[in-house]
Amino acid sequence: MSKQPFVERRSGIDRRSEGRSGFDGRSGFVVLMAEDDEDDIVATKRAWKKNNIANPLYIVKDGEECLDFLHRRGKYSEPGTAPRPGILLLDIKMPKMDGLSVLKHIKEDGGLHRLPVIILTTSRTEEDRLRSYDLGVNAYIVKPVGFENFSEAVRTISLFWQLVELPGGYNELD
């Protein structure tokens, strides 16, 4: 089963940019989220809709699946199933491979090391935060409690990334 982006489509026309804000309305880059908690996935999708974020959102549920998506292997080897993300929203505590191991892999991989990674986690431990920055994370955000607070955090992240110039190749849908 292939993953579909969380975007609005009507009559075969992609309406991601019609009256919507986003991480980058000019290019509409893909956002990949690695998250295993179903409640957080539902909250993210709701926040995406509430804030009219134009960027397609792809969700993977563990660290191994995240790397499969990024390397386009396994169920993501078919063309079009795993577009190159412009940003990765990464949880730390996931099954199979934790987020810090995924981050380490990304930053050591010559083809992925420039991918902007935002840790979005419930972990408030100093050890996780310091380790994340030691491994090269771009930002470390503790998930706010309550949907309204979480939605505002998603909106703020979106507004910030509208201003950022991404490395070459990370701002195109392919």
N, C-alpha and C. Protein backbone atom coordinates (compact mmCIF):
# COMPACT_ATOMS: atom_id res chain seq x y z
N MET A 1 0.84 -1.17 0.00
CA MET A 1 0.00 0.00 0.00
C MET A 1 0.88 1.24 0.00
N SER A 2 0.73 2.11 -1.00
CA SER A 2 1.57 3.29 -1.06
C SER A 2 0.99 4.40 -0.21
N LYS A 3 1.87 5.26 0.31
CA LYS A 3 1.45 6.40 1.12
C LYS A 3 1.00 7.51 0.20
N GLN A 4 -0.07 8.16 0.55
CA GLN A 4 -0.56 9.29 -0.22
C GLN A 4 -0.31 10.56 0.59
N PRO A 5 0.02 11.65 -0.07
CA PRO A 5 0.23 12.88 0.66
C PRO A 5 -1.10 13.38 1.21
N PHE A 6 -1.02 14.15 2.26
CA PHE A 6 -2.20 14.74 2.86
C PHE A 6 -2.45 16.07 2.16
N VAL A 7 -3.07 16.01 0.99
CA VAL A 7 -3.37 17.21 0.21
C VAL A 7 -4.79 17.11 -0.31
N GLU A 8 -5.36 18.27 -0.58
CA GLU A 8 -6.72 18.31 -1.12
C GLU A 8 -6.66 18.20 -2.63
N ARG A 9 -7.44 17.29 -3.19
CA ARG A 9 -7.50 17.15 -4.64
C ARG A 9 -8.97 17.08 -5.05
N ARG A 10 -9.30 17.84 -6.09
CA ARG A 10 -10.65 17.78 -6.65
C ARG A 10 -10.52 17.70 -8.16
N SER A 11 -11.29 16.83 -8.76
CA SER A 11 -11.32 16.68 -10.22
C SER A 11 -9.93 16.52 -10.82
N GLY A 12 -9.05 15.87 -10.10
CA GLY A 12 -7.71 15.63 -10.61
C GLY A 12 -6.81 16.85 -10.59
N ILE A 13 -7.30 17.98 -10.07
CA ILE A 13 -6.50 19.20 -10.03
C ILE A 13 -5.92 19.33 -8.63
N ASP A 14 -4.62 19.55 -8.56
CA ASP A 14 -3.95 19.73 -7.27
C ASP A 14 -4.21 21.15 -6.79
N ARG A 15 -4.86 21.28 -5.65
CA ARG A 15 -5.24 22.59 -5.14
C ARG A 15 -4.41 23.00 -3.93
N ARG A 16 -3.19 22.52 -3.85
CA ARG A 16 -2.37 22.82 -2.70
C ARG A 16 -2.09 24.30 -2.53
N SER A 17 -1.97 25.06 -3.60
CA SER A 17 -1.55 26.45 -3.47
C SER A 17 -2.69 27.46 -3.57
N GLU A 18 -3.92 27.02 -3.75
CA GLU A 18 -5.03 27.95 -3.89
C GLU A 18 -5.47 28.49 -2.53
N GLY A 19 -5.07 29.73 -2.24
CA GLY A 19 -5.49 30.37 -1.00
C GLY A 19 -4.97 29.71 0.25
N ARG A 20 -3.85 29.03 0.14
CA ARG A 20 -3.33 28.31 1.29
C ARG A 20 -1.95 28.84 1.63
N SER A 21 -1.63 28.81 2.90
CA SER A 21 -0.28 29.14 3.31
C SER A 21 0.51 27.85 3.35
N GLY A 22 1.77 27.94 3.64
CA GLY A 22 2.53 26.72 3.72
C GLY A 22 3.95 26.94 4.11
N PHE A 23 4.68 25.86 4.26
CA PHE A 23 6.09 25.96 4.56
C PHE A 23 6.78 26.77 3.48
N ASP A 24 6.31 26.64 2.25
CA ASP A 24 6.87 27.43 1.17
C ASP A 24 5.89 27.40 0.01
N GLY A 25 4.97 28.32 -0.03
CA GLY A 25 3.95 28.35 -1.05
C GLY A 25 4.52 28.48 -2.46
N ARG A 26 5.75 29.03 -2.59
CA ARG A 26 6.34 29.20 -3.91
C ARG A 26 6.72 27.87 -4.52
N SER A 27 7.22 26.93 -3.74
CA SER A 27 7.70 25.69 -4.33
C SER A 27 6.89 24.48 -3.94
N GLY A 28 6.14 24.54 -2.84
CA GLY A 28 5.30 23.43 -2.44
C GLY A 28 6.07 22.16 -2.11
N PHE A 29 7.20 22.29 -1.44
CA PHE A 29 7.98 21.09 -1.16
C PHE A 29 7.27 20.15 -0.20
N VAL A 30 7.65 18.90 -0.28
CA VAL A 30 7.09 17.83 0.55
C VAL A 30 7.65 17.90 1.96
N VAL A 31 6.78 17.65 2.92
CA VAL A 31 7.19 17.51 4.32
C VAL A 31 7.00 16.03 4.68
N LEU A 32 8.06 15.42 5.17
CA LEU A 32 8.01 14.04 5.65
C LEU A 32 7.96 14.08 7.16
N MET A 33 7.03 13.34 7.74
CA MET A 33 6.93 13.24 9.20
C MET A 33 7.12 11.79 9.61
N ALA A 34 8.04 11.57 10.53
CA ALA A 34 8.26 10.25 11.10
C ALA A 34 7.67 10.26 12.51
N GLU A 35 6.56 9.58 12.67
CA GLU A 35 5.79 9.62 13.92
C GLU A 35 5.01 8.32 14.07
N ASP A 36 5.11 7.70 15.24
CA ASP A 36 4.40 6.44 15.45
C ASP A 36 3.12 6.58 16.26
N ASP A 37 2.92 7.70 16.92
CA ASP A 37 1.75 7.88 17.78
C ASP A 37 0.56 8.34 16.94
N GLU A 38 -0.48 7.51 16.89
CA GLU A 38 -1.64 7.80 16.04
C GLU A 38 -2.33 9.10 16.44
N ASP A 39 -2.39 9.41 17.73
CA ASP A 39 -3.01 10.67 18.17
C ASP A 39 -2.23 11.87 17.64
N ASP A 40 -0.90 11.79 17.65
CA ASP A 40 -0.08 12.88 17.13
C ASP A 40 -0.22 13.00 15.61
N ILE A 41 -0.38 11.88 14.93
CA ILE A 41 -0.59 11.91 13.48
C ILE A 41 -1.91 12.61 13.16
N VAL A 42 -2.97 12.24 13.87
CA VAL A 42 -4.28 12.85 13.66
C VAL A 42 -4.22 14.35 13.97
N ALA A 43 -3.56 14.72 15.06
CA ALA A 43 -3.43 16.13 15.43
C ALA A 43 -2.65 16.90 14.37
N THR A 44 -1.63 16.30 13.82
CA THR A 44 -0.84 16.96 12.77
C THR A 44 -1.68 17.19 11.53
N LYS A 45 -2.43 16.18 11.12
CA LYS A 45 -3.29 16.34 9.94
C LYS A 45 -4.35 17.41 10.18
N ARG A 46 -4.91 17.44 11.37
CA ARG A 46 -5.90 18.48 11.70
C ARG A 46 -5.27 19.86 11.67
N ALA A 47 -4.07 19.98 12.24
CA ALA A 47 -3.37 21.27 12.26
C ALA A 47 -3.01 21.70 10.84
N TRP A 48 -2.64 20.74 9.99
CA TRP A 48 -2.32 21.03 8.59
C TRP A 48 -3.53 21.68 7.92
N LYS A 49 -4.70 21.05 8.13
CA LYS A 49 -5.93 21.57 7.52
C LYS A 49 -6.33 22.91 8.13
N LYS A 50 -6.30 23.00 9.44
CA LYS A 50 -6.71 24.22 10.14
C LYS A 50 -5.87 25.41 9.69
N ASN A 51 -4.58 25.19 9.50
CA ASN A 51 -3.66 26.27 9.14
C ASN A 51 -3.48 26.41 7.63
N ASN A 52 -4.24 25.64 6.86
CA ASN A 52 -4.19 25.71 5.40
C ASN A 52 -2.77 25.58 4.86
N ILE A 53 -2.04 24.62 5.37
CA ILE A 53 -0.66 24.42 4.92
C ILE A 53 -0.69 23.69 3.59
N ALA A 54 -0.05 24.30 2.61
CA ALA A 54 -0.12 23.82 1.24
C ALA A 54 0.77 22.62 0.96
N ASN A 55 1.82 22.46 1.72
CA ASN A 55 2.79 21.40 1.43
C ASN A 55 2.22 20.01 1.65
N PRO A 56 2.49 19.09 0.70
CA PRO A 56 2.08 17.70 0.90
C PRO A 56 2.78 17.12 2.13
N LEU A 57 2.04 16.41 2.93
CA LEU A 57 2.56 15.79 4.14
C LEU A 57 2.54 14.27 3.96
N TYR A 58 3.71 13.67 4.03
CA TYR A 58 3.85 12.21 4.00
C TYR A 58 4.21 11.77 5.41
N ILE A 59 3.64 10.66 5.84
CA ILE A 59 3.88 10.17 7.19
C ILE A 59 4.39 8.74 7.15
N VAL A 60 5.47 8.51 7.88
CA VAL A 60 6.00 7.17 8.09
C VAL A 60 5.97 6.90 9.58
N LYS A 61 5.90 5.62 9.98
CA LYS A 61 5.59 5.32 11.37
C LYS A 61 6.74 4.73 12.19
N ASP A 62 7.92 4.61 11.61
CA ASP A 62 9.07 4.18 12.40
C ASP A 62 10.35 4.60 11.68
N GLY A 63 11.47 4.46 12.38
CA GLY A 63 12.74 4.90 11.83
C GLY A 63 13.17 4.15 10.58
N GLU A 64 12.95 2.85 10.54
CA GLU A 64 13.33 2.07 9.36
C GLU A 64 12.51 2.49 8.14
N GLU A 65 11.21 2.71 8.35
CA GLU A 65 10.36 3.15 7.25
C GLU A 65 10.79 4.54 6.77
N CYS A 66 11.22 5.39 7.68
CA CYS A 66 11.70 6.71 7.31
C CYS A 66 12.91 6.60 6.37
N LEU A 67 13.86 5.75 6.73
CA LEU A 67 15.04 5.58 5.88
C LEU A 67 14.68 4.92 4.55
N ASP A 68 13.73 3.99 4.56
CA ASP A 68 13.26 3.40 3.30
C ASP A 68 12.68 4.48 2.39
N PHE A 69 11.88 5.38 2.96
CA PHE A 69 11.30 6.47 2.19
C PHE A 69 12.41 7.36 1.62
N LEU A 70 13.34 7.76 2.46
CA LEU A 70 14.40 8.66 2.03
C LEU A 70 15.31 8.03 0.96
N HIS A 71 15.53 6.73 1.06
CA HIS A 71 16.39 6.03 0.09
C HIS A 71 15.59 5.40 -1.06
N ARG A 72 14.26 5.55 -1.00
CA ARG A 72 13.37 5.01 -2.03
C ARG A 72 13.60 3.52 -2.26
N ARG A 73 13.47 2.80 -1.19
CA ARG A 73 13.64 1.35 -1.27
C ARG A 73 12.42 0.65 -0.66
N GLY A 74 12.35 -0.65 -0.90
CA GLY A 74 11.20 -1.42 -0.40
C GLY A 74 9.91 -0.92 -1.02
N LYS A 75 8.90 -0.70 -0.20
CA LYS A 75 7.60 -0.26 -0.73
C LYS A 75 7.65 1.15 -1.31
N TYR A 76 8.74 1.85 -1.13
CA TYR A 76 8.90 3.20 -1.68
C TYR A 76 9.78 3.22 -2.94
N SER A 77 10.04 2.07 -3.51
CA SER A 77 10.91 2.01 -4.70
C SER A 77 10.19 2.36 -5.99
N GLU A 78 8.87 2.29 -6.00
CA GLU A 78 8.10 2.65 -7.20
C GLU A 78 8.17 4.15 -7.41
N PRO A 79 8.37 4.60 -8.64
CA PRO A 79 8.41 6.04 -8.91
C PRO A 79 7.15 6.75 -8.41
N GLY A 80 7.35 7.89 -7.78
CA GLY A 80 6.24 8.70 -7.29
C GLY A 80 5.76 8.38 -5.89
N THR A 81 6.22 7.27 -5.30
CA THR A 81 5.75 6.93 -3.96
C THR A 81 6.52 7.64 -2.86
N ALA A 82 7.70 8.15 -3.18
CA ALA A 82 8.52 8.80 -2.15
C ALA A 82 9.22 10.03 -2.73
N PRO A 83 8.48 11.13 -2.91
CA PRO A 83 9.14 12.33 -3.39
C PRO A 83 10.16 12.84 -2.38
N ARG A 84 11.19 13.47 -2.87
CA ARG A 84 12.25 13.96 -1.99
C ARG A 84 11.69 15.06 -1.09
N PRO A 85 11.75 14.86 0.24
CA PRO A 85 11.19 15.88 1.14
C PRO A 85 12.10 17.10 1.24
N GLY A 86 11.45 18.23 1.53
CA GLY A 86 12.20 19.45 1.79
C GLY A 86 12.53 19.59 3.25
N ILE A 87 11.73 18.95 4.10
CA ILE A 87 11.93 18.99 5.56
C ILE A 87 11.48 17.66 6.14
N LEU A 88 12.16 17.22 7.18
CA LEU A 88 11.76 16.04 7.93
C LEU A 88 11.39 16.46 9.34
N LEU A 89 10.15 16.15 9.75
CA LEU A 89 9.71 16.31 11.14
C LEU A 89 9.90 14.94 11.78
N LEU A 90 10.77 14.85 12.77
CA LEU A 90 11.23 13.56 13.28
C LEU A 90 10.97 13.41 14.77
N ASP A 91 10.25 12.37 15.12
CA ASP A 91 10.05 12.02 16.53
C ASP A 91 11.27 11.24 17.01
N ILE A 92 11.54 11.27 18.29
CA ILE A 92 12.69 10.53 18.82
C ILE A 92 12.31 9.10 19.17
N LYS A 93 11.26 8.94 19.92
CA LYS A 93 10.90 7.62 20.43
C LYS A 93 9.95 6.91 19.47
N MET A 94 10.56 6.08 18.62
CA MET A 94 9.80 5.31 17.62
C MET A 94 10.27 3.86 17.64
N PRO A 95 9.41 2.95 17.17
CA PRO A 95 9.82 1.54 17.11
C PRO A 95 10.83 1.29 15.99
N LYS A 96 11.45 0.14 16.06
CA LYS A 96 12.40 -0.39 15.09
C LYS A 96 13.72 0.38 15.07
N MET A 97 13.67 1.69 14.90
CA MET A 97 14.86 2.53 14.93
C MET A 97 14.43 3.89 15.47
N ASP A 98 15.08 4.36 16.53
CA ASP A 98 14.67 5.63 17.12
C ASP A 98 15.11 6.81 16.26
N GLY A 99 14.53 7.97 16.54
CA GLY A 99 14.79 9.16 15.76
C GLY A 99 16.23 9.62 15.77
N LEU A 100 16.92 9.44 16.89
CA LEU A 100 18.32 9.86 16.95
C LEU A 100 19.20 9.00 16.04
N SER A 101 18.88 7.73 15.93
CA SER A 101 19.61 6.86 14.99
C SER A 101 19.32 7.26 13.55
N VAL A 102 18.08 7.62 13.27
CA VAL A 102 17.72 8.10 11.93
C VAL A 102 18.48 9.38 11.63
N LEU A 103 18.49 10.31 12.58
CA LEU A 103 19.20 11.58 12.40
C LEU A 103 20.68 11.35 12.14
N LYS A 104 21.29 10.45 12.90
CA LYS A 104 22.72 10.13 12.71
C LYS A 104 22.96 9.61 11.29
N HIS A 105 22.10 8.71 10.85
CA HIS A 105 22.23 8.16 9.51
C HIS A 105 22.13 9.26 8.45
N ILE A 106 21.13 10.12 8.59
CA ILE A 106 20.92 11.20 7.62
C ILE A 106 22.14 12.11 7.54
N LYS A 107 22.66 12.50 8.67
CA LYS A 107 23.76 13.47 8.69
C LYS A 107 25.09 12.86 8.25
N GLU A 108 25.18 11.52 8.27
CA GLU A 108 26.39 10.85 7.79
C GLU A 108 26.29 10.43 6.33
N ASP A 109 25.12 10.58 5.73
CA ASP A 109 24.89 10.15 4.36
C ASP A 109 25.12 11.34 3.42
N GLY A 110 26.03 11.20 2.49
CA GLY A 110 26.36 12.28 1.57
C GLY A 110 25.20 12.78 0.73
N GLY A 111 24.22 11.92 0.47
CA GLY A 111 23.07 12.33 -0.32
C GLY A 111 21.95 12.94 0.49
N LEU A 112 22.01 12.80 1.81
CA LEU A 112 20.92 13.28 2.66
C LEU A 112 21.34 14.34 3.68
N HIS A 113 22.63 14.52 3.88
CA HIS A 113 23.11 15.30 5.02
C HIS A 113 22.62 16.75 5.07
N ARG A 114 22.18 17.30 3.95
CA ARG A 114 21.68 18.68 3.95
C ARG A 114 20.17 18.77 4.19
N LEU A 115 19.50 17.64 4.27
CA LEU A 115 18.06 17.65 4.53
C LEU A 115 17.78 18.31 5.89
N PRO A 116 16.99 19.39 5.92
CA PRO A 116 16.65 20.00 7.20
C PRO A 116 15.80 19.05 8.04
N VAL A 117 16.22 18.86 9.29
CA VAL A 117 15.52 17.96 10.20
C VAL A 117 15.10 18.73 11.44
N ILE A 118 13.81 18.61 11.77
CA ILE A 118 13.27 19.21 12.97
C ILE A 118 12.82 18.08 13.88
N ILE A 119 13.40 18.00 15.06
CA ILE A 119 12.92 17.03 16.06
C ILE A 119 11.64 17.61 16.63
N LEU A 120 10.57 16.83 16.59
CA LEU A 120 9.28 17.19 17.16
C LEU A 120 8.89 16.04 18.08
N THR A 121 9.07 16.25 19.38
CA THR A 121 9.02 15.15 20.32
C THR A 121 8.37 15.54 21.65
N THR A 122 8.04 14.55 22.44
CA THR A 122 7.56 14.80 23.80
C THR A 122 8.72 14.82 24.79
N SER A 123 9.91 14.42 24.36
CA SER A 123 11.05 14.32 25.26
C SER A 123 11.58 15.70 25.65
N ARG A 124 11.63 15.91 26.95
CA ARG A 124 12.18 17.15 27.49
C ARG A 124 13.56 16.94 28.10
N THR A 125 14.13 15.76 27.89
CA THR A 125 15.41 15.47 28.54
C THR A 125 16.54 16.24 27.88
N GLU A 126 17.40 16.77 28.72
CA GLU A 126 18.57 17.51 28.25
C GLU A 126 19.46 16.61 27.39
N GLU A 127 19.55 15.34 27.75
CA GLU A 127 20.36 14.38 27.00
C GLU A 127 19.88 14.25 25.55
N ASP A 128 18.56 14.10 25.36
CA ASP A 128 18.02 14.00 24.00
C ASP A 128 18.26 15.28 23.21
N ARG A 129 18.04 16.43 23.85
CA ARG A 129 18.21 17.72 23.17
C ARG A 129 19.66 17.92 22.75
N LEU A 130 20.59 17.70 23.68
CA LEU A 130 22.01 17.88 23.36
C LEU A 130 22.48 16.89 22.29
N ARG A 131 22.05 15.65 22.42
CA ARG A 131 22.44 14.63 21.43
C ARG A 131 21.91 15.00 20.04
N SER A 132 20.69 15.51 19.99
CA SER A 132 20.10 15.92 18.71
C SER A 132 20.94 17.02 18.06
N TYR A 133 21.31 18.02 18.83
CA TYR A 133 22.13 19.10 18.26
C TYR A 133 23.54 18.62 17.93
N ASP A 134 24.08 17.72 18.74
CA ASP A 134 25.40 17.15 18.42
C ASP A 134 25.37 16.41 17.08
N LEU A 135 24.22 15.81 16.76
CA LEU A 135 24.08 15.06 15.51
C LEU A 135 23.70 15.94 14.33
N GLY A 136 23.44 17.23 14.58
CA GLY A 136 23.19 18.15 13.48
C GLY A 136 21.75 18.50 13.20
N VAL A 137 20.85 18.32 14.18
CA VAL A 137 19.46 18.69 13.96
C VAL A 137 19.36 20.20 13.74
N ASN A 138 18.39 20.61 12.95
CA ASN A 138 18.19 22.03 12.68
C ASN A 138 17.37 22.72 13.76
N ALA A 139 16.47 21.98 14.41
CA ALA A 139 15.66 22.53 15.49
C ALA A 139 15.14 21.39 16.35
N TYR A 140 14.95 21.69 17.63
CA TYR A 140 14.42 20.72 18.58
C TYR A 140 13.20 21.35 19.22
N ILE A 141 12.03 20.77 18.99
CA ILE A 141 10.78 21.33 19.49
C ILE A 141 10.05 20.28 20.32
N VAL A 142 9.69 20.65 21.54
CA VAL A 142 8.89 19.77 22.39
C VAL A 142 7.43 20.00 22.01
N LYS A 143 6.73 18.91 21.73
CA LYS A 143 5.32 19.00 21.32
C LYS A 143 4.50 19.66 22.43
N PRO A 144 3.81 20.73 22.09
CA PRO A 144 2.95 21.37 23.09
C PRO A 144 1.75 20.48 23.44
N VAL A 145 1.23 20.66 24.65
CA VAL A 145 0.08 19.90 25.11
C VAL A 145 -1.20 20.61 24.66
N GLY A 146 -2.16 19.83 24.17
CA GLY A 146 -3.45 20.37 23.73
C GLY A 146 -3.42 20.72 22.26
N PHE A 147 -4.54 20.49 21.58
CA PHE A 147 -4.57 20.69 20.14
C PHE A 147 -4.31 22.13 19.74
N GLU A 148 -4.93 23.09 20.40
CA GLU A 148 -4.75 24.50 20.00
C GLU A 148 -3.28 24.90 20.10
N ASN A 149 -2.61 24.50 21.17
CA ASN A 149 -1.18 24.81 21.32
C ASN A 149 -0.35 24.11 20.26
N PHE A 150 -0.69 22.85 20.00
CA PHE A 150 0.04 22.09 18.98
C PHE A 150 -0.17 22.71 17.61
N SER A 151 -1.41 23.07 17.30
CA SER A 151 -1.73 23.67 16.01
C SER A 151 -0.97 24.99 15.82
N GLU A 152 -0.89 25.77 16.87
CA GLU A 152 -0.14 27.04 16.80
C GLU A 152 1.35 26.77 16.57
N ALA A 153 1.88 25.73 17.18
CA ALA A 153 3.29 25.37 16.96
C ALA A 153 3.51 24.97 15.51
N VAL A 154 2.60 24.18 14.94
CA VAL A 154 2.71 23.78 13.53
C VAL A 154 2.65 25.01 12.63
N ARG A 155 1.74 25.93 12.94
CA ARG A 155 1.62 27.17 12.16
C ARG A 155 2.92 27.99 12.23
N THR A 156 3.50 28.08 13.41
CA THR A 156 4.74 28.83 13.59
C THR A 156 5.90 28.19 12.84
N ILE A 157 5.99 26.87 12.89
CA ILE A 157 7.03 26.16 12.14
C ILE A 157 6.84 26.46 10.65
N SER A 158 5.60 26.41 10.18
CA SER A 158 5.30 26.68 8.79
C SER A 158 5.75 28.09 8.40
N LEU A 159 5.40 29.08 9.22
CA LEU A 159 5.78 30.46 8.92
C LEU A 159 7.29 30.62 8.85
N PHE A 160 8.01 29.99 9.76
CA PHE A 160 9.47 30.07 9.74
C PHE A 160 10.04 29.51 8.44
N TRP A 161 9.57 28.33 8.03
CA TRP A 161 10.14 27.69 6.84
C TRP A 161 9.73 28.38 5.55
N GLN A 162 8.73 29.29 5.61
CA GLN A 162 8.43 30.10 4.44
C GLN A 162 9.57 31.08 4.15
N LEU A 163 10.33 31.44 5.18
CA LEU A 163 11.41 32.41 5.04
C LEU A 163 12.75 31.77 4.68
N VAL A 164 12.87 30.48 4.88
CA VAL A 164 14.15 29.79 4.73
C VAL A 164 14.40 29.39 3.29
N GLU A 165 15.62 29.58 2.84
CA GLU A 165 16.07 29.08 1.54
C GLU A 165 16.64 27.69 1.77
N LEU A 166 16.03 26.69 1.15
CA LEU A 166 16.47 25.31 1.32
C LEU A 166 17.67 25.02 0.45
N PRO A 167 18.47 24.02 0.83
CA PRO A 167 19.58 23.59 -0.04
C PRO A 167 19.05 23.13 -1.38
N GLY A 168 19.86 23.24 -2.42
CA GLY A 168 19.48 22.80 -3.76
C GLY A 168 18.92 21.38 -3.75
N GLY A 169 17.85 21.19 -4.50
CA GLY A 169 17.25 19.86 -4.64
C GLY A 169 16.23 19.53 -3.58
N TYR A 170 16.13 20.34 -2.50
CA TYR A 170 15.19 20.05 -1.44
C TYR A 170 13.93 20.90 -1.53
N ASN A 171 13.82 21.69 -2.57
CA ASN A 171 12.64 22.53 -2.69
C ASN A 171 11.84 22.23 -3.94
N GLU A 172 11.98 21.01 -4.43
CA GLU A 172 11.28 20.64 -5.65
C GLU A 172 10.49 19.35 -5.43
N LEU A 173 9.31 19.31 -5.99
CA LEU A 173 8.56 18.06 -5.98
C LEU A 173 9.11 17.20 -7.09
N ASP A 174 9.57 16.00 -6.76
CA ASP A 174 10.05 15.08 -7.81
C ASP A 174 9.64 13.67 -7.53
